């Protein structure tokens, strides 16, 4: 799939779908989000146009000589929950992180037609291989938490929550939940 995403792109995805994302994605973590929210609340322009875009919750490590970017693994997404609905309302179409999201975010994904993707935690060095270009575009003073514009090619992700209410965490648990094969407490 190529960014920017349309409503039709988002609606075509279901929880559990594995995707490869190409195009531009932006990085932002807690500190950057804390600067974006007051701008949104005041109706002021953001330093990036989020329309149709994806924000990846990551704070990349510095690039080693000869590389585009350092390790670029996902951070826990729930820390951005208080900011996410406002960004989705502005047209953001996806976020990438790890872990569960709160109900207000799930509701906003449905309302504004957006997706929450998961990336593999602990695989940041591998994920950096899918980044072709990286540049700081806002809040350089935040260091690793500055907003970066990444050009990615076939970046691997999985749909954790879709815009139809699908939830891979719940669905996955149902697949493995079963009745106790030893209801009397015994086992063989």
C-alpha atoms as a PDB file:
ATOM      1  CA  UNK A   1       0.000   0.000   0.000  1.00  0.00           C
ATOM      2  CA  UNK A   2       1.211   3.486  -0.783  1.00  0.00           C
ATOM      3  CA  UNK A   3       0.706   6.619   1.283  1.00  0.00           C
ATOM      4  CA  UNK A   4      -1.186   8.882   1.420  1.00  0.00           C
ATOM      5  CA  UNK A   5      -4.169   6.641   2.169  1.00  0.00           C
ATOM      6  CA  UNK A   6      -7.720   7.305   1.009  1.00  0.00           C
ATOM      7  CA  UNK A   7     -10.889   6.240   2.811  1.00  0.00           C
ATOM      8  CA  UNK A   8     -11.174   3.391   0.286  1.00  0.00           C
ATOM      9  CA  UNK A   9      -7.653   2.182   1.149  1.00  0.00           C
ATOM     10  CA  UNK A  10      -8.510   2.146   4.843  1.00  0.00           C
ATOM     11  CA  UNK A  11     -11.894   0.471   4.315  1.00  0.00           C
ATOM     12  CA  UNK A  12     -10.223  -2.337   2.345  1.00  0.00           C
ATOM     13  CA  UNK A  13      -8.180  -3.421   5.365  1.00  0.00           C
ATOM     14  CA  UNK A  14      -9.258  -5.819   8.088  1.00  0.00           C
ATOM     15  CA  UNK A  15      -7.716  -6.686  11.449  1.00  0.00           C
ATOM     16  CA  UNK A  16      -5.075  -9.339  10.863  1.00  0.00           C
ATOM     17  CA  UNK A  17      -4.122  -8.188   7.364  1.00  0.00           C
ATOM     18  CA  UNK A  18      -0.379  -8.054   6.781  1.00  0.00           C
ATOM     19  CA  UNK A  19       0.687  -5.102   4.693  1.00  0.00           C
ATOM     20  CA  UNK A  20       3.780  -3.529   3.201  1.00  0.00           C
ATOM     21  CA  UNK A  21       3.692   0.254   3.324  1.00  0.00           C
ATOM     22  CA  UNK A  22       5.570   2.382   0.801  1.00  0.00           C
ATOM     23  CA  UNK A  23       5.756   6.147   0.522  1.00  0.00           C
ATOM     24  CA  UNK A  24       6.020   8.694   3.324  1.00  0.00           C
ATOM     25  CA  UNK A  25       5.351   8.089   7.006  1.00  0.00           C
ATOM     26  CA  UNK A  26       6.071  10.490   9.855  1.00  0.00           C
ATOM     27  CA  UNK A  27       7.598   9.709  13.233  1.00  0.00           C
ATOM     28  CA  UNK A  28       6.300  11.252  16.445  1.00  0.00           C
ATOM     29  CA  UNK A  29       6.364  10.242  20.081  1.00  0.00           C
ATOM     30  CA  UNK A  30       5.135  11.732  23.351  1.00  0.00           C
ATOM     31  CA  UNK A  31       7.053  15.024  23.311  1.00  0.00           C
ATOM     32  CA  UNK A  32       6.129  15.864  19.710  1.00  0.00           C
ATOM     33  CA  UNK A  33       2.472  14.996  20.330  1.00  0.00           C
ATOM     34  CA  UNK A  34       2.466  17.274  23.382  1.00  0.00           C
ATOM     35  CA  UNK A  35       3.455  20.139  21.066  1.00  0.00           C
ATOM     36  CA  UNK A  36       0.922  19.251  18.377  1.00  0.00           C
ATOM     37  CA  UNK A  37      -2.134  19.135  20.662  1.00  0.00           C
ATOM     38  CA  UNK A  38      -2.088  22.834  21.667  1.00  0.00           C
ATOM     39  CA  UNK A  39      -1.862  23.769  17.978  1.00  0.00           C
ATOM     40  CA  UNK A  40      -4.887  21.592  17.218  1.00  0.00           C
ATOM     41  CA  UNK A  41      -6.836  23.058  20.139  1.00  0.00           C
ATOM     42  CA  UNK A  42      -6.097  26.610  18.917  1.00  0.00           C
ATOM     43  CA  UNK A  43      -6.980  25.734  15.317  1.00  0.00           C
ATOM     44  CA  UNK A  44      -3.445  26.549  14.180  1.00  0.00           C
ATOM     45  CA  UNK A  45      -1.566  24.812  11.372  1.00  0.00           C
ATOM     46  CA  UNK A  46       0.544  21.792  12.247  1.00  0.00           C
ATOM     47  CA  UNK A  47       4.170  21.575  11.081  1.00  0.00           C
ATOM     48  CA  UNK A  48       3.155  18.615   8.883  1.00  0.00           C
ATOM     49  CA  UNK A  49       0.038  17.928   6.840  1.00  0.00           C
ATOM     50  CA  UNK A  50      -1.435  14.772   8.371  1.00  0.00           C
ATOM     51  CA  UNK A  51      -4.138  14.330   5.713  1.00  0.00           C
ATOM     52  CA  UNK A  52      -4.038  10.721   4.494  1.00  0.00           C
ATOM     53  CA  UNK A  53      -0.789  10.093   6.345  1.00  0.00           C
ATOM     54  CA  UNK A  54       0.569   7.677   8.935  1.00  0.00           C
ATOM     55  CA  UNK A  55       2.385   8.514  12.156  1.00  0.00           C
ATOM     56  CA  UNK A  56       4.849   5.910  13.400  1.00  0.00           C
ATOM     57  CA  UNK A  57       5.414   5.984  17.149  1.00  0.00           C
ATOM     58  CA  UNK A  58       9.179   5.657  17.177  1.00  0.00           C
ATOM     59  CA  UNK A  59      12.256   7.544  18.276  1.00  0.00           C
ATOM     60  CA  UNK A  60      14.989   6.316  15.975  1.00  0.00           C
ATOM     61  CA  UNK A  61      18.505   5.886  17.229  1.00  0.00           C
ATOM     62  CA  UNK A  62      21.232   7.839  15.414  1.00  0.00           C
ATOM     63  CA  UNK A  63      22.331   6.530  12.032  1.00  0.00           C
ATOM     64  CA  UNK A  64      25.719   4.871  11.848  1.00  0.00           C
ATOM     65  CA  UNK A  65      28.039   5.939   9.034  1.00  0.00           C
ATOM     66  CA  UNK A  66      26.712   4.708   5.700  1.00  0.00           C
ATOM     67  CA  UNK A  67      23.148   4.125   6.946  1.00  0.00           C
ATOM     68  CA  UNK A  68      19.980   6.168   6.522  1.00  0.00           C
ATOM     69  CA  UNK A  69      18.699   5.747  10.071  1.00  0.00           C
ATOM     70  CA  UNK A  70      19.458   3.821  13.221  1.00  0.00           C
ATOM     71  CA  UNK A  71      17.187   1.331  14.910  1.00  0.00           C
ATOM     72  CA  UNK A  72      13.567   2.340  14.305  1.00  0.00           C
ATOM     73  CA  UNK A  73      11.393   0.095  16.458  1.00  0.00           C
ATOM     74  CA  UNK A  74       7.877   0.920  17.671  1.00  0.00           C
ATOM     75  CA  UNK A  75       7.079   2.359  21.066  1.00  0.00           C
ATOM     76  CA  UNK A  76       3.984   1.693  23.166  1.00  0.00           C
ATOM     77  CA  UNK A  77       1.066   3.337  21.398  1.00  0.00           C
ATOM     78  CA  UNK A  78      -1.245   3.811  24.384  1.00  0.00           C
ATOM     79  CA  UNK A  79       0.919   6.715  25.555  1.00  0.00           C
ATOM     80  CA  UNK A  80      -0.371   8.659  22.521  1.00  0.00           C
ATOM     81  CA  UNK A  81      -4.052   7.772  23.099  1.00  0.00           C
ATOM     82  CA  UNK A  82      -4.992  11.202  24.444  1.00  0.00           C
ATOM     83  CA  UNK A  83      -3.694  12.852  21.254  1.00  0.00           C
ATOM     84  CA  UNK A  84      -4.837  10.365  18.603  1.00  0.00           C
ATOM     85  CA  UNK A  85      -8.565  11.194  18.176  1.00  0.00           C
ATOM     86  CA  UNK A  86      -7.740  14.868  17.482  1.00  0.00           C
ATOM     87  CA  UNK A  87      -5.217  13.908  14.805  1.00  0.00           C
ATOM     88  CA  UNK A  88      -7.620  11.412  13.216  1.00  0.00           C
ATOM     89  CA  UNK A  89     -10.250  14.150  13.050  1.00  0.00           C
ATOM     90  CA  UNK A  90      -7.763  16.221  11.025  1.00  0.00           C
ATOM     91  CA  UNK A  91      -7.414  13.428   8.466  1.00  0.00           C
ATOM     92  CA  UNK A  92      -4.630  11.198   9.799  1.00  0.00           C
ATOM     93  CA  UNK A  93      -5.327   7.728   8.351  1.00  0.00           C
ATOM     94  CA  UNK A  94      -3.073   5.514  10.390  1.00  0.00           C
ATOM     95  CA  UNK A  95      -0.707   5.033  13.264  1.00  0.00           C
ATOM     96  CA  UNK A  96       1.967   2.405  13.807  1.00  0.00           C
ATOM     97  CA  UNK A  97       3.048   1.251  17.241  1.00  0.00           C
ATOM     98  CA  UNK A  98       2.859  -1.685  19.593  1.00  0.00           C
ATOM     99  CA  UNK A  99       0.372  -2.683  22.238  1.00  0.00           C
ATOM    100  CA  UNK A 100      -3.255  -2.031  22.992  1.00  0.00           C
ATOM    101  CA  UNK A 101      -5.190   1.199  22.392  1.00  0.00           C
ATOM    102  CA  UNK A 102      -8.001   2.586  24.526  1.00  0.00           C
ATOM    103  CA  UNK A 103     -11.668   2.575  23.563  1.00  0.00           C
ATOM    104  CA  UNK A 104     -11.719   6.290  22.589  1.00  0.00           C
ATOM    105  CA  UNK A 105      -9.037   5.562  19.975  1.00  0.00           C
ATOM    106  CA  UNK A 106     -10.907   2.501  18.684  1.00  0.00           C
ATOM    107  CA  UNK A 107     -14.080   4.594  18.397  1.00  0.00           C
ATOM    108  CA  UNK A 108     -12.185   7.363  16.571  1.00  0.00           C
ATOM    109  CA  UNK A 109     -10.720   4.824  14.113  1.00  0.00           C
ATOM    110  CA  UNK A 110     -14.263   3.874  13.137  1.00  0.00           C
ATOM    111  CA  UNK A 111     -15.581   7.449  13.101  1.00  0.00           C
ATOM    112  CA  UNK A 112     -12.754   8.903  10.995  1.00  0.00           C
ATOM    113  CA  UNK A 113     -11.906   5.791   8.925  1.00  0.00           C
ATOM    114  CA  UNK A 114      -8.390   5.045  10.099  1.00  0.00           C
ATOM    115  CA  UNK A 115      -6.175   2.082  10.971  1.00  0.00           C
ATOM    116  CA  UNK A 116      -3.874   1.148  13.834  1.00  0.00           C
ATOM    117  CA  UNK A 117      -0.965  -0.922  12.576  1.00  0.00           C
ATOM    118  CA  UNK A 118       1.463  -2.933  14.645  1.00  0.00           C
ATOM    119  CA  UNK A 119       5.171  -3.272  14.008  1.00  0.00           C
ATOM    120  CA  UNK A 120       7.385  -5.875  15.654  1.00  0.00           C
ATOM    121  CA  UNK A 121       8.891  -4.616  18.884  1.00  0.00           C
ATOM    122  CA  UNK A 122      12.552  -5.517  19.358  1.00  0.00           C
ATOM    123  CA  UNK A 123      13.176  -5.579  15.601  1.00  0.00           C
ATOM    124  CA  UNK A 124      14.120  -1.936  15.125  1.00  0.00           C
ATOM    125  CA  UNK A 125      17.419  -2.731  13.403  1.00  0.00           C
ATOM    126  CA  UNK A 126      15.609  -4.913  10.870  1.00  0.00           C
ATOM    127  CA  UNK A 127      12.856  -2.318  10.354  1.00  0.00           C
ATOM    128  CA  UNK A 128      15.487   0.340   9.582  1.00  0.00           C
ATOM    129  CA  UNK A 129      16.312  -1.578   6.392  1.00  0.00           C
ATOM    130  CA  UNK A 130      12.947  -0.491   4.921  1.00  0.00           C
ATOM    131  CA  UNK A 131      13.704   3.228   5.374  1.00  0.00           C
ATOM    132  CA  UNK A 132      15.162   4.817   2.230  1.00  0.00           C
ATOM    133  CA  UNK A 133      15.379   8.414   3.440  1.00  0.00           C
ATOM    134  CA  UNK A 134      14.935  10.202   6.788  1.00  0.00           C
ATOM    135  CA  UNK A 135      14.874  13.900   7.609  1.00  0.00           C
ATOM    136  CA  UNK A 136      13.838  15.964  10.610  1.00  0.00           C
ATOM    137  CA  UNK A 137      10.879  18.187   9.656  1.00  0.00           C
ATOM    138  CA  UNK A 138       9.815  19.629  13.025  1.00  0.00           C
ATOM    139  CA  UNK A 139      10.968  20.057  16.615  1.00  0.00           C
ATOM    140  CA  UNK A 140      14.649  19.303  16.003  1.00  0.00           C
ATOM    141  CA  UNK A 141      15.357  20.318  19.606  1.00  0.00           C
ATOM    142  CA  UNK A 142      13.596  17.130  20.744  1.00  0.00           C
ATOM    143  CA  UNK A 143      16.431  14.989  19.401  1.00  0.00           C
ATOM    144  CA  UNK A 144      15.272  11.429  18.862  1.00  0.00           C
ATOM    145  CA  UNK A 145      11.667  12.525  19.492  1.00  0.00           C
ATOM    146  CA  UNK A 146      11.706  15.149  16.716  1.00  0.00           C
ATOM    147  CA  UNK A 147       9.170  14.649  13.935  1.00  0.00           C
ATOM    148  CA  UNK A 148      10.845  12.937  11.010  1.00  0.00           C
ATOM    149  CA  UNK A 149       9.682  12.362   7.466  1.00  0.00           C
ATOM    150  CA  UNK A 150      10.595   8.822   6.460  1.00  0.00           C
ATOM    151  CA  UNK A 151      10.452   7.494   2.936  1.00  0.00           C
ATOM    152  CA  UNK A 152       9.830   3.773   3.263  1.00  0.00           C
ATOM    153  CA  UNK A 153       9.695   0.910   0.817  1.00  0.00           C
ATOM    154  CA  UNK A 154       7.637  -2.176   1.693  1.00  0.00           C
ATOM    155  CA  UNK A 155       7.686  -1.434   5.442  1.00  0.00           C
ATOM    156  CA  UNK A 156       6.068  -4.474   7.131  1.00  0.00           C
ATOM    157  CA  UNK A 157       3.083  -3.967   9.423  1.00  0.00           C
ATOM    158  CA  UNK A 158      -0.045  -5.785  10.539  1.00  0.00           C
ATOM    159  CA  UNK A 159      -3.509  -4.309  11.016  1.00  0.00           C
ATOM    160  CA  UNK A 160      -4.268  -4.489  14.729  1.00  0.00           C
ATOM    161  CA  UNK A 161      -7.473  -2.394  14.736  1.00  0.00           C
ATOM    162  CA  UNK A 162      -9.439  -1.623  11.581  1.00  0.00           C
ATOM    163  CA  UNK A 163     -12.084   1.005  10.835  1.00  0.00           C
ATOM    164  CA  UNK A 164     -14.863  -1.608  11.033  1.00  0.00           C
ATOM    165  CA  UNK A 165     -14.305  -2.368  14.716  1.00  0.00           C
ATOM    166  CA  UNK A 166     -12.035  -5.348  14.087  1.00  0.00           C
ATOM    167  CA  UNK A 167      -9.515  -6.016  16.850  1.00  0.00           C
ATOM    168  CA  UNK A 168      -6.701  -8.488  16.217  1.00  0.00           C
ATOM    169  CA  UNK A 169      -5.942  -8.750  19.926  1.00  0.00           C
ATOM    170  CA  UNK A 170      -9.498  -9.879  20.734  1.00  0.00           C
ATOM    171  CA  UNK A 171      -9.766 -12.070  17.633  1.00  0.00           C
ATOM    172  CA  UNK A 172      -6.404 -13.688  18.333  1.00  0.00           C
ATOM    173  CA  UNK A 173      -7.335 -14.483  21.915  1.00  0.00           C
ATOM    174  CA  UNK A 174     -10.568 -16.132  20.749  1.00  0.00           C
ATOM    175  CA  UNK A 175      -8.635 -18.418  18.407  1.00  0.00           C
ATOM    176  CA  UNK A 176      -6.581 -19.774  21.289  1.00  0.00           C
ATOM    177  CA  UNK A 177      -9.223 -19.669  24.017  1.00  0.00           C
ATOM    178  CA  UNK A 178     -10.841 -23.023  24.602  1.00  0.00           C
ATOM    179  CA  UNK A 179     -12.504 -24.968  27.284  1.00  0.00           C
ATOM    180  CA  UNK A 180     -10.254 -26.514  29.875  1.00  0.00           C
ATOM    181  CA  UNK A 181      -9.498 -30.013  28.580  1.00  0.00           C
ATOM    182  CA  UNK A 182      -9.091 -31.158  32.185  1.00  0.00           C
ATOM    183  CA  UNK A 183     -12.095 -29.641  33.990  1.00  0.00           C
ATOM    184  CA  UNK A 184     -11.561 -31.754  37.105  1.00  0.00           C
ATOM    185  CA  UNK A 185      -8.110 -30.211  37.625  1.00  0.00           C
ATOM    186  CA  UNK A 186      -6.331 -33.346  36.497  1.00  0.00           C
ATOM    187  CA  UNK A 187      -3.997 -33.593  33.577  1.00  0.00           C
ATOM    188  CA  UNK A 188      -2.521 -36.404  31.574  1.00  0.00           C
END
